[in-house]
């Protein structure tokens, strides 16, 4: 057999019978003096025969989604409309609605309302405010197709206030109308985009 020094890569011949049945033997390289161990090749364990790799099964075809019946589609649409209390999708044309934050964590910022329904809350909604006095889902602003905006309290713990008074049902908001939820005060701005100088 050929023994190769791992340090200097010198090669020299060594008879396998000189292992005398030992599993390994230590060698000292005559060139660099490196001492290393070589296993007896006659006692090397036999590797088990390679097992054939099973062929993967072809993926099962996806099941087609269940077809929605006209009745289920109608029920789903009605449920959505009941949830939003809106019977007409989309914002009224020619008007822009902006929510200005007067006090609270987002004071001195504004947000353009781009959908007819905006929910204000501490954990859920379109406007999420980290305020312990605001409920998880606190209040809702609804913009109707006729261009009117309505504020509704969503059974919040501390109430929603317009003009310093807590509202009990849907309350119409006019341009520059202020209202408050928890420690935050808001102002709703309604602009006619058909007037020259407004986007």
N, C-alpha and C. Protein backbone atom coordinates (compact mmCIF):
# COMPACT_ATOMS: atom_id res chain seq x y z
N UNK A 1 0.84 -1.19 0.00
CA UNK A 1 0.00 0.00 0.00
C UNK A 1 0.88 1.25 0.00
N UNK A 2 0.34 2.38 -0.43
CA UNK A 2 1.05 3.66 -0.47
C UNK A 2 0.62 4.47 0.75
N UNK A 3 1.55 4.93 1.54
CA UNK A 3 1.28 5.79 2.68
C UNK A 3 1.71 7.20 2.31
N UNK A 4 0.83 8.17 2.57
CA UNK A 4 1.09 9.57 2.22
C UNK A 4 1.14 10.40 3.50
N UNK A 5 2.19 11.16 3.67
CA UNK A 5 2.34 12.02 4.84
C UNK A 5 1.36 13.18 4.73
N UNK A 6 0.52 13.42 5.74
CA UNK A 6 -0.44 14.53 5.65
C UNK A 6 0.22 15.89 5.78
N UNK A 7 1.50 15.94 6.21
CA UNK A 7 2.16 17.22 6.40
C UNK A 7 2.89 17.68 5.15
N UNK A 8 3.77 16.79 4.60
CA UNK A 8 4.58 17.19 3.44
C UNK A 8 4.19 16.47 2.16
N UNK A 9 3.17 15.57 2.26
CA UNK A 9 2.66 14.82 1.11
C UNK A 9 3.68 13.87 0.51
N UNK A 10 4.71 13.49 1.29
CA UNK A 10 5.66 12.49 0.81
C UNK A 10 4.96 11.12 0.75
N UNK A 11 5.33 10.33 -0.25
CA UNK A 11 4.71 9.02 -0.46
C UNK A 11 5.78 7.94 -0.27
N UNK A 12 5.38 6.88 0.41
CA UNK A 12 6.31 5.74 0.52
C UNK A 12 5.51 4.46 0.60
N UNK A 13 6.19 3.36 0.16
CA UNK A 13 5.57 2.04 0.09
C UNK A 13 5.63 1.37 1.47
N UNK A 14 4.49 0.70 1.83
CA UNK A 14 4.44 -0.01 3.10
C UNK A 14 3.61 -1.27 2.90
N UNK A 15 4.17 -2.42 3.26
CA UNK A 15 3.46 -3.68 3.09
C UNK A 15 2.31 -3.83 4.08
N UNK A 16 1.12 -4.24 3.59
CA UNK A 16 -0.05 -4.36 4.47
C UNK A 16 0.16 -5.44 5.53
N UNK A 17 1.01 -6.46 5.23
CA UNK A 17 1.21 -7.53 6.21
C UNK A 17 1.95 -7.04 7.45
N UNK A 18 2.57 -5.85 7.34
CA UNK A 18 3.33 -5.34 8.48
C UNK A 18 2.43 -4.76 9.57
N UNK A 19 1.10 -4.65 9.29
CA UNK A 19 0.17 -4.22 10.33
C UNK A 19 0.02 -5.30 11.41
N UNK A 20 0.32 -6.61 11.04
CA UNK A 20 0.25 -7.74 11.97
C UNK A 20 -1.13 -7.83 12.64
N UNK A 21 -2.18 -7.54 11.84
CA UNK A 21 -3.55 -7.65 12.34
C UNK A 21 -4.04 -6.47 13.15
N UNK A 22 -3.19 -5.47 13.39
CA UNK A 22 -3.61 -4.29 14.16
C UNK A 22 -4.54 -3.43 13.31
N UNK A 23 -5.46 -2.70 14.00
CA UNK A 23 -6.40 -1.85 13.26
C UNK A 23 -5.71 -0.64 12.66
N UNK A 24 -4.65 -0.16 13.30
CA UNK A 24 -3.95 1.01 12.78
C UNK A 24 -2.49 0.94 13.20
N UNK A 25 -1.69 1.82 12.59
CA UNK A 25 -0.27 1.86 12.91
C UNK A 25 0.20 3.30 12.79
N UNK A 26 1.04 3.72 13.74
CA UNK A 26 1.57 5.08 13.71
C UNK A 26 2.86 5.11 12.88
N UNK A 27 2.96 6.13 12.06
CA UNK A 27 4.11 6.29 11.19
C UNK A 27 4.79 7.62 11.49
N UNK A 28 6.13 7.64 11.22
CA UNK A 28 6.91 8.88 11.33
C UNK A 28 7.52 9.13 9.97
N UNK A 29 7.17 10.30 9.39
CA UNK A 29 7.65 10.63 8.04
C UNK A 29 9.17 10.81 8.08
N UNK A 30 9.92 10.09 7.24
CA UNK A 30 11.38 10.22 7.23
C UNK A 30 11.85 11.57 6.70
N UNK A 31 10.96 12.33 6.01
CA UNK A 31 11.38 13.61 5.43
C UNK A 31 11.14 14.77 6.38
N UNK A 32 9.90 14.86 6.92
CA UNK A 32 9.58 16.03 7.75
C UNK A 32 9.46 15.70 9.23
N UNK A 33 9.44 14.40 9.59
CA UNK A 33 9.36 14.00 10.97
C UNK A 33 7.95 13.99 11.54
N UNK A 34 6.93 14.28 10.71
CA UNK A 34 5.52 14.27 11.15
C UNK A 34 5.11 12.86 11.56
N UNK A 35 4.43 12.74 12.71
CA UNK A 35 3.91 11.45 13.16
C UNK A 35 2.41 11.42 12.89
N UNK A 36 1.93 10.36 12.27
CA UNK A 36 0.50 10.28 11.94
C UNK A 36 0.08 8.81 11.99
N UNK A 37 -1.22 8.58 11.98
CA UNK A 37 -1.78 7.24 12.11
C UNK A 37 -2.45 6.84 10.81
N UNK A 38 -2.26 5.58 10.43
CA UNK A 38 -2.85 5.03 9.21
C UNK A 38 -3.67 3.80 9.59
N UNK A 39 -4.91 3.71 9.09
CA UNK A 39 -5.77 2.56 9.36
C UNK A 39 -5.37 1.38 8.49
N UNK A 40 -5.54 0.20 9.03
CA UNK A 40 -5.27 -1.03 8.30
C UNK A 40 -6.33 -1.19 7.21
N UNK A 41 -5.93 -1.16 5.94
CA UNK A 41 -6.94 -1.24 4.87
C UNK A 41 -7.66 -2.59 4.84
N UNK A 42 -7.03 -3.67 5.37
CA UNK A 42 -7.67 -4.98 5.34
C UNK A 42 -8.78 -5.09 6.38
N UNK A 43 -8.81 -4.17 7.39
CA UNK A 43 -9.84 -4.21 8.43
C UNK A 43 -10.85 -3.08 8.29
N UNK A 44 -10.83 -2.35 7.17
CA UNK A 44 -11.79 -1.25 6.98
C UNK A 44 -13.20 -1.81 6.89
N UNK A 45 -14.16 -1.23 7.58
CA UNK A 45 -15.54 -1.74 7.53
C UNK A 45 -16.12 -1.61 6.14
N UNK A 46 -16.90 -2.61 5.77
CA UNK A 46 -17.54 -2.60 4.46
C UNK A 46 -18.77 -1.68 4.50
N UNK A 47 -18.90 -0.90 3.48
CA UNK A 47 -20.06 -0.02 3.39
C UNK A 47 -21.27 -0.82 2.94
N UNK A 48 -22.44 -0.56 3.50
CA UNK A 48 -23.64 -1.27 3.04
C UNK A 48 -23.94 -0.91 1.61
N UNK A 49 -24.53 -1.83 0.89
CA UNK A 49 -24.86 -1.51 -0.51
C UNK A 49 -25.82 -0.34 -0.58
N UNK A 50 -25.62 0.48 -1.58
CA UNK A 50 -26.47 1.66 -1.76
C UNK A 50 -27.88 1.24 -2.09
N UNK A 51 -28.82 1.86 -1.39
CA UNK A 51 -30.22 1.57 -1.65
C UNK A 51 -30.72 2.48 -2.77
N UNK A 52 -31.49 1.91 -3.66
CA UNK A 52 -32.02 2.77 -4.74
C UNK A 52 -32.95 3.84 -4.18
N UNK A 53 -32.82 5.04 -4.70
CA UNK A 53 -33.68 6.15 -4.25
C UNK A 53 -35.07 5.99 -4.85
N UNK A 54 -36.10 5.93 -3.99
CA UNK A 54 -37.45 5.77 -4.55
C UNK A 54 -37.85 6.98 -5.36
N UNK A 55 -38.54 6.74 -6.44
CA UNK A 55 -39.00 7.83 -7.29
C UNK A 55 -40.16 8.55 -6.61
N UNK A 56 -40.13 9.89 -6.56
CA UNK A 56 -41.22 10.60 -5.91
C UNK A 56 -42.53 10.42 -6.68
N UNK A 57 -43.59 10.35 -5.92
CA UNK A 57 -44.90 10.23 -6.54
C UNK A 57 -45.30 11.56 -7.15
N UNK A 58 -45.98 11.54 -8.27
CA UNK A 58 -46.41 12.81 -8.88
C UNK A 58 -47.41 13.50 -7.96
N UNK A 59 -47.37 14.84 -7.89
CA UNK A 59 -48.31 15.54 -7.01
C UNK A 59 -49.75 15.34 -7.46
N UNK A 60 -50.61 15.25 -6.47
CA UNK A 60 -52.03 15.07 -6.78
C UNK A 60 -52.58 16.36 -7.37
N UNK A 61 -53.44 16.27 -8.35
CA UNK A 61 -54.00 17.49 -8.94
C UNK A 61 -54.83 18.23 -7.90
N UNK A 62 -54.75 19.58 -7.89
CA UNK A 62 -55.53 20.34 -6.90
C UNK A 62 -57.02 20.19 -7.13
N UNK A 63 -57.73 20.16 -6.02
CA UNK A 63 -59.18 20.06 -6.13
C UNK A 63 -59.75 21.40 -6.55
N UNK A 64 -60.72 21.39 -7.43
CA UNK A 64 -61.30 22.67 -7.86
C UNK A 64 -62.05 23.31 -6.71
N UNK A 65 -61.98 24.65 -6.59
CA UNK A 65 -62.70 25.31 -5.50
C UNK A 65 -64.20 25.13 -5.67
N UNK A 66 -64.93 25.07 -4.54
CA UNK A 66 -66.38 24.91 -4.66
C UNK A 66 -67.00 26.10 -5.36
N UNK A 67 -67.94 25.83 -6.21
CA UNK A 67 -68.60 26.89 -6.96
C UNK A 67 -69.58 27.62 -6.06
N UNK A 68 -69.50 28.94 -6.10
CA UNK A 68 -70.43 29.74 -5.30
C UNK A 68 -71.77 29.83 -6.02
N UNK A 69 -72.80 29.52 -5.34
CA UNK A 69 -74.14 29.62 -5.92
C UNK A 69 -74.59 31.06 -5.87
N UNK A 70 -75.60 31.39 -6.65
CA UNK A 70 -76.13 32.74 -6.67
C UNK A 70 -76.64 33.15 -5.29
N UNK A 71 -77.24 32.17 -4.59
CA UNK A 71 -77.77 32.46 -3.25
C UNK A 71 -76.65 32.82 -2.29
N UNK A 72 -75.54 32.02 -2.32
CA UNK A 72 -74.43 32.30 -1.40
C UNK A 72 -73.76 33.62 -1.74
N UNK A 73 -73.66 33.95 -3.04
CA UNK A 73 -73.09 35.24 -3.42
C UNK A 73 -73.94 36.39 -2.91
N UNK A 74 -75.25 36.24 -3.03
CA UNK A 74 -76.16 37.29 -2.58
C UNK A 74 -76.08 37.47 -1.08
N UNK A 75 -76.02 36.32 -0.35
CA UNK A 75 -75.92 36.40 1.12
C UNK A 75 -74.62 37.06 1.54
N UNK A 76 -73.52 36.71 0.85
CA UNK A 76 -72.23 37.31 1.19
C UNK A 76 -72.24 38.82 0.95
N UNK A 77 -72.86 39.26 -0.16
CA UNK A 77 -72.92 40.70 -0.46
C UNK A 77 -73.80 41.42 0.54
N UNK A 78 -74.94 40.81 0.88
CA UNK A 78 -75.84 41.44 1.86
C UNK A 78 -75.17 41.56 3.22
N UNK A 79 -74.41 40.51 3.61
CA UNK A 79 -73.72 40.56 4.90
C UNK A 79 -72.69 41.67 4.92
N UNK A 80 -71.98 41.83 3.80
CA UNK A 80 -70.98 42.89 3.72
C UNK A 80 -71.65 44.25 3.80
N UNK A 81 -72.76 44.41 3.11
CA UNK A 81 -73.46 45.69 3.13
C UNK A 81 -74.01 46.00 4.51
N UNK A 82 -74.51 44.97 5.20
CA UNK A 82 -75.00 45.18 6.56
C UNK A 82 -73.87 45.59 7.48
N UNK A 83 -72.69 44.99 7.27
CA UNK A 83 -71.54 45.30 8.12
C UNK A 83 -71.12 46.75 7.96
N UNK A 84 -71.11 47.25 6.75
CA UNK A 84 -70.64 48.61 6.49
C UNK A 84 -71.77 49.64 6.53
N UNK A 85 -73.01 49.17 6.49
CA UNK A 85 -74.17 50.05 6.44
C UNK A 85 -74.15 50.95 5.22
N UNK A 86 -73.48 50.50 4.16
CA UNK A 86 -73.42 51.25 2.92
C UNK A 86 -74.02 50.40 1.81
N UNK A 87 -74.88 50.99 1.03
CA UNK A 87 -75.51 50.27 -0.07
C UNK A 87 -74.94 50.68 -1.42
N UNK A 88 -73.91 51.52 -1.40
CA UNK A 88 -73.31 51.96 -2.65
C UNK A 88 -71.81 52.08 -2.43
N UNK A 89 -71.03 51.33 -3.19
CA UNK A 89 -69.58 51.36 -3.01
C UNK A 89 -68.99 52.60 -3.66
N UNK A 90 -67.79 52.96 -3.20
CA UNK A 90 -67.05 54.05 -3.81
C UNK A 90 -67.31 55.38 -3.13
N UNK A 91 -66.35 56.28 -3.35
CA UNK A 91 -66.44 57.62 -2.77
C UNK A 91 -67.24 58.52 -3.70
N UNK A 92 -67.94 59.52 -3.15
CA UNK A 92 -68.66 60.46 -4.01
C UNK A 92 -67.69 61.26 -4.87
N UNK A 93 -68.00 61.43 -6.14
CA UNK A 93 -67.10 62.13 -7.04
C UNK A 93 -67.14 63.63 -6.75
N UNK A 94 -66.00 64.26 -6.97
CA UNK A 94 -65.91 65.70 -6.81
C UNK A 94 -65.63 66.17 -5.40
N UNK A 95 -65.52 65.24 -4.44
CA UNK A 95 -65.26 65.63 -3.05
C UNK A 95 -64.04 64.89 -2.52
N UNK A 96 -63.30 65.58 -1.66
CA UNK A 96 -62.16 64.95 -0.99
C UNK A 96 -62.35 65.10 0.52
N UNK A 97 -62.21 63.97 1.23
CA UNK A 97 -62.39 63.94 2.68
C UNK A 97 -61.03 63.70 3.32
N UNK A 98 -60.67 64.57 4.25
CA UNK A 98 -59.38 64.48 4.93
C UNK A 98 -59.60 64.51 6.44
N UNK A 99 -58.89 63.62 7.15
CA UNK A 99 -58.97 63.57 8.60
C UNK A 99 -57.70 64.22 9.17
N UNK A 100 -57.88 65.33 9.88
CA UNK A 100 -56.74 66.02 10.49
C UNK A 100 -56.66 65.64 11.97
N UNK A 101 -55.46 65.31 12.43
CA UNK A 101 -55.22 64.95 13.83
C UNK A 101 -54.79 66.22 14.58
N UNK A 102 -55.65 66.70 15.48
CA UNK A 102 -55.35 67.94 16.20
C UNK A 102 -54.56 67.67 17.48
N UNK A 103 -54.94 66.63 18.24
CA UNK A 103 -54.20 66.25 19.46
C UNK A 103 -54.03 64.74 19.48
N UNK A 104 -53.16 64.26 20.36
CA UNK A 104 -52.93 62.82 20.45
C UNK A 104 -51.60 62.43 19.83
N UNK A 105 -51.34 61.13 19.71
CA UNK A 105 -50.05 60.64 19.19
C UNK A 105 -49.74 61.11 17.78
N UNK A 106 -50.78 61.35 16.94
CA UNK A 106 -50.54 61.75 15.55
C UNK A 106 -50.83 63.23 15.32
N UNK A 107 -50.74 64.04 16.37
CA UNK A 107 -51.05 65.47 16.25
C UNK A 107 -50.25 66.13 15.14
N UNK A 108 -50.90 67.06 14.45
CA UNK A 108 -50.30 67.85 13.35
C UNK A 108 -50.08 67.03 12.09
N UNK A 109 -50.80 65.92 11.95
CA UNK A 109 -50.73 65.14 10.70
C UNK A 109 -52.14 65.04 10.12
N UNK A 110 -52.20 64.68 8.83
CA UNK A 110 -53.49 64.53 8.15
C UNK A 110 -53.50 63.21 7.40
N UNK A 111 -54.70 62.72 7.14
CA UNK A 111 -54.85 61.48 6.37
C UNK A 111 -56.05 61.62 5.45
N UNK A 112 -55.82 61.40 4.15
CA UNK A 112 -56.91 61.45 3.17
C UNK A 112 -57.71 60.15 3.28
N UNK A 113 -59.02 60.26 3.40
CA UNK A 113 -59.89 59.09 3.47
C UNK A 113 -60.21 58.65 2.05
N UNK A 114 -59.79 57.44 1.70
CA UNK A 114 -59.93 56.97 0.32
C UNK A 114 -61.02 55.92 0.16
N UNK A 115 -61.63 55.49 1.27
CA UNK A 115 -62.70 54.50 1.20
C UNK A 115 -63.91 55.04 1.97
N UNK A 116 -65.11 54.56 1.65
CA UNK A 116 -66.30 55.07 2.32
C UNK A 116 -66.39 54.73 3.80
N UNK A 117 -65.60 53.78 4.26
CA UNK A 117 -65.67 53.34 5.64
C UNK A 117 -64.29 53.42 6.28
N UNK A 118 -64.17 54.14 7.40
CA UNK A 118 -62.91 54.26 8.13
C UNK A 118 -63.18 53.96 9.59
N UNK A 119 -62.48 52.96 10.14
CA UNK A 119 -62.64 52.58 11.54
C UNK A 119 -61.44 53.08 12.33
N UNK A 120 -61.73 53.71 13.47
CA UNK A 120 -60.69 54.19 14.38
C UNK A 120 -60.66 53.27 15.59
N UNK A 121 -59.47 52.79 15.97
CA UNK A 121 -59.38 51.89 17.11
C UNK A 121 -57.98 51.82 17.68
N UNK A 122 -57.87 51.15 18.84
CA UNK A 122 -56.57 51.00 19.49
C UNK A 122 -55.78 49.82 18.91
N UNK A 123 -56.51 48.75 18.48
CA UNK A 123 -55.84 47.56 17.96
C UNK A 123 -56.29 47.20 16.56
N UNK A 124 -57.53 47.52 16.21
CA UNK A 124 -58.06 47.17 14.90
C UNK A 124 -58.60 48.42 14.22
N UNK A 125 -58.61 48.38 12.88
CA UNK A 125 -59.20 49.47 12.12
C UNK A 125 -58.26 50.03 11.09
N UNK A 126 -58.72 51.10 10.46
CA UNK A 126 -57.93 51.77 9.42
C UNK A 126 -57.01 52.82 10.03
N UNK A 127 -57.43 53.41 11.15
CA UNK A 127 -56.61 54.36 11.89
C UNK A 127 -56.37 53.75 13.27
N UNK A 128 -55.18 53.21 13.51
CA UNK A 128 -54.85 52.55 14.78
C UNK A 128 -54.02 53.51 15.62
N UNK A 129 -54.53 53.81 16.82
CA UNK A 129 -53.89 54.78 17.71
C UNK A 129 -53.57 54.10 19.03
N UNK A 130 -52.31 54.17 19.45
CA UNK A 130 -51.89 53.57 20.71
C UNK A 130 -52.29 54.51 21.86
N UNK A 131 -53.51 54.34 22.32
CA UNK A 131 -54.06 55.19 23.38
C UNK A 131 -54.91 54.31 24.29
N UNK A 132 -54.55 54.17 25.58
CA UNK A 132 -55.31 53.28 26.46
C UNK A 132 -56.76 53.70 26.66
N UNK A 133 -57.10 54.95 26.33
CA UNK A 133 -58.48 55.42 26.50
C UNK A 133 -59.32 55.16 25.25
N UNK A 134 -58.70 54.65 24.20
CA UNK A 134 -59.43 54.30 22.98
C UNK A 134 -59.68 52.80 22.99
N UNK A 135 -60.90 52.39 22.65
CA UNK A 135 -61.25 50.98 22.63
C UNK A 135 -60.62 50.29 21.43
N UNK A 136 -60.66 48.95 21.48
CA UNK A 136 -60.06 48.15 20.40
C UNK A 136 -60.63 48.57 19.04
N UNK A 137 -61.94 48.66 18.92
CA UNK A 137 -62.63 49.26 17.77
C UNK A 137 -63.52 50.35 18.34
N UNK A 138 -63.15 51.59 18.14
CA UNK A 138 -63.77 52.68 18.90
C UNK A 138 -64.89 53.39 18.13
N UNK A 139 -64.59 53.87 16.94
CA UNK A 139 -65.58 54.67 16.19
C UNK A 139 -65.42 54.41 14.70
N UNK A 140 -66.47 54.83 13.94
CA UNK A 140 -66.47 54.59 12.49
C UNK A 140 -66.95 55.85 11.79
N UNK A 141 -66.25 56.20 10.71
CA UNK A 141 -66.68 57.29 9.83
C UNK A 141 -67.20 56.67 8.55
N UNK A 142 -68.44 57.03 8.19
CA UNK A 142 -69.03 56.53 6.95
C UNK A 142 -69.28 57.70 6.00
N UNK A 143 -68.81 57.56 4.78
CA UNK A 143 -69.03 58.58 3.76
C UNK A 143 -70.07 58.02 2.79
N UNK A 144 -71.21 58.67 2.70
CA UNK A 144 -72.31 58.19 1.87
C UNK A 144 -72.20 58.73 0.44
N UNK A 145 -72.87 58.08 -0.51
CA UNK A 145 -72.78 58.52 -1.91
C UNK A 145 -73.26 59.96 -2.13
N UNK A 146 -74.12 60.46 -1.23
CA UNK A 146 -74.60 61.84 -1.40
C UNK A 146 -73.61 62.88 -0.90
N UNK A 147 -72.43 62.43 -0.41
CA UNK A 147 -71.40 63.35 0.03
C UNK A 147 -71.44 63.69 1.50
N UNK A 148 -72.36 63.08 2.25
CA UNK A 148 -72.42 63.35 3.68
C UNK A 148 -71.52 62.36 4.42
N UNK A 149 -71.02 62.80 5.59
CA UNK A 149 -70.16 61.96 6.42
C UNK A 149 -70.83 61.78 7.77
N UNK A 150 -70.78 60.54 8.27
CA UNK A 150 -71.46 60.21 9.52
C UNK A 150 -70.48 59.52 10.46
N UNK A 151 -70.54 59.91 11.74
CA UNK A 151 -69.69 59.35 12.77
C UNK A 151 -70.54 58.48 13.70
N UNK A 152 -70.07 57.24 13.95
CA UNK A 152 -70.79 56.32 14.82
C UNK A 152 -69.84 55.77 15.87
N UNK A 153 -70.27 55.77 17.13
CA UNK A 153 -69.51 55.15 18.20
C UNK A 153 -69.76 53.65 18.19
N UNK A 154 -68.71 52.84 18.26
CA UNK A 154 -68.83 51.38 18.18
C UNK A 154 -68.85 50.76 19.57
N UNK A 155 -69.77 51.25 20.42
CA UNK A 155 -69.90 50.75 21.79
C UNK A 155 -68.56 50.82 22.53
N UNK A 156 -67.86 51.94 22.38
CA UNK A 156 -66.57 52.09 23.05
C UNK A 156 -66.76 52.28 24.55
N UNK A 157 -65.70 52.05 25.30
CA UNK A 157 -65.77 52.17 26.76
C UNK A 157 -65.90 53.62 27.20
N UNK A 158 -65.14 54.52 26.59
CA UNK A 158 -65.11 55.92 27.03
C UNK A 158 -65.92 56.86 26.14
N UNK A 159 -66.53 56.35 25.08
CA UNK A 159 -67.40 57.17 24.25
C UNK A 159 -66.67 57.98 23.19
N UNK A 160 -67.48 58.49 22.25
CA UNK A 160 -67.01 59.37 21.18
C UNK A 160 -67.75 60.69 21.32
N UNK A 161 -67.03 61.80 21.22
CA UNK A 161 -67.61 63.10 21.54
C UNK A 161 -67.58 64.04 20.34
N UNK A 162 -68.70 64.75 20.12
CA UNK A 162 -68.80 65.80 19.12
C UNK A 162 -69.31 67.05 19.84
N UNK A 163 -68.55 68.14 19.74
CA UNK A 163 -68.95 69.36 20.44
C UNK A 163 -68.98 69.19 21.94
N UNK A 164 -68.15 68.31 22.48
CA UNK A 164 -68.08 68.10 23.91
C UNK A 164 -69.13 67.16 24.47
N UNK A 165 -70.03 66.65 23.62
CA UNK A 165 -71.09 65.75 24.09
C UNK A 165 -70.90 64.38 23.46
N UNK A 166 -71.15 63.35 24.28
CA UNK A 166 -71.03 61.98 23.78
C UNK A 166 -72.18 61.70 22.81
N UNK A 167 -71.85 61.05 21.67
CA UNK A 167 -72.89 60.73 20.69
C UNK A 167 -73.50 59.38 21.03
N UNK A 168 -74.80 59.25 20.73
CA UNK A 168 -75.51 58.01 21.04
C UNK A 168 -75.83 57.21 19.79
N UNK A 169 -75.76 57.82 18.64
CA UNK A 169 -76.05 57.14 17.38
C UNK A 169 -75.29 57.81 16.26
N UNK A 170 -75.57 57.43 15.00
CA UNK A 170 -74.88 58.06 13.87
C UNK A 170 -75.07 59.57 13.89
N UNK A 171 -73.95 60.30 13.82
CA UNK A 171 -73.98 61.76 13.90
C UNK A 171 -73.34 62.34 12.64
N UNK A 172 -74.05 63.25 12.01
CA UNK A 172 -73.54 63.85 10.77
C UNK A 172 -72.42 64.82 11.09
N UNK A 173 -71.35 64.72 10.31
CA UNK A 173 -70.21 65.63 10.46
C UNK A 173 -70.19 66.61 9.30
N UNK A 174 -69.99 67.87 9.61
CA UNK A 174 -69.87 68.89 8.57
C UNK A 174 -68.40 69.21 8.35
N UNK A 175 -68.14 70.06 7.35
CA UNK A 175 -66.77 70.46 7.07
C UNK A 175 -66.18 71.17 8.29
N UNK A 176 -64.96 70.82 8.66
CA UNK A 176 -64.22 71.37 9.80
C UNK A 176 -64.85 70.99 11.13
N UNK A 177 -65.65 69.93 11.14
CA UNK A 177 -66.25 69.45 12.38
C UNK A 177 -65.21 68.71 13.21
N UNK A 178 -65.13 69.03 14.49
CA UNK A 178 -64.19 68.36 15.38
C UNK A 178 -64.91 67.29 16.19
N UNK A 179 -64.17 66.19 16.47
CA UNK A 179 -64.68 65.15 17.36
C UNK A 179 -63.48 64.52 18.06
N UNK A 180 -63.76 63.79 19.16
CA UNK A 180 -62.66 63.21 19.92
C UNK A 180 -62.95 61.78 20.32
N UNK A 181 -61.86 60.98 20.35
CA UNK A 181 -61.87 59.60 20.82
C UNK A 181 -60.68 59.47 21.77
N UNK A 182 -60.95 59.16 23.05
CA UNK A 182 -59.85 59.07 24.00
C UNK A 182 -59.13 60.40 24.12
N UNK A 183 -57.80 60.37 24.00
CA UNK A 183 -57.01 61.59 24.12
C UNK A 183 -56.77 62.27 22.78
N UNK A 184 -57.34 61.74 21.72
CA UNK A 184 -57.11 62.29 20.38
C UNK A 184 -58.31 63.11 19.91
N UNK A 185 -58.02 64.26 19.33
CA UNK A 185 -59.06 65.11 18.74
C UNK A 185 -58.81 65.18 17.24
N UNK A 186 -59.89 65.08 16.47
CA UNK A 186 -59.81 65.04 15.02
C UNK A 186 -60.65 66.18 14.43
N UNK A 187 -60.35 66.51 13.19
CA UNK A 187 -61.19 67.43 12.42
C UNK A 187 -61.39 66.85 11.04
N UNK A 188 -62.65 66.79 10.60
CA UNK A 188 -62.95 66.29 9.26
C UNK A 188 -63.01 67.46 8.30
N UNK A 189 -62.21 67.40 7.25
CA UNK A 189 -62.18 68.45 6.23
C UNK A 189 -62.82 67.90 4.95
N UNK A 190 -63.79 68.64 4.39
CA UNK A 190 -64.47 68.23 3.16
C UNK A 190 -64.20 69.30 2.13
N UNK A 191 -63.60 68.91 1.01
CA UNK A 191 -63.24 69.86 -0.04
C UNK A 191 -63.85 69.46 -1.37
N UNK A 192 -64.29 70.47 -2.11
CA UNK A 192 -64.82 70.27 -3.45
C UNK A 192 -63.65 70.33 -4.42
N UNK A 193 -63.32 69.18 -5.03
CA UNK A 193 -62.15 69.14 -5.92
C UNK A 193 -62.42 69.80 -7.26
N UNK A 194 -63.67 70.19 -7.52
CA UNK A 194 -63.97 70.87 -8.79
C UNK A 194 -63.63 72.33 -8.75
N UNK A 195 -63.35 72.85 -7.53
CA UNK A 195 -63.00 74.26 -7.42
C UNK A 195 -61.54 74.43 -7.85
N UNK A 196 -61.26 75.44 -8.63
CA UNK A 196 -59.91 75.68 -9.14
C UNK A 196 -58.95 75.90 -7.97
N UNK A 197 -57.80 75.26 -8.07
CA UNK A 197 -56.78 75.39 -7.04
C UNK A 197 -56.74 74.24 -6.08
N UNK A 198 -57.73 73.31 -6.14
CA UNK A 198 -57.73 72.14 -5.28
C UNK A 198 -57.51 70.92 -6.12
N UNK A 199 -56.76 69.96 -5.59
CA UNK A 199 -56.50 68.70 -6.29
C UNK A 199 -57.74 67.84 -6.24
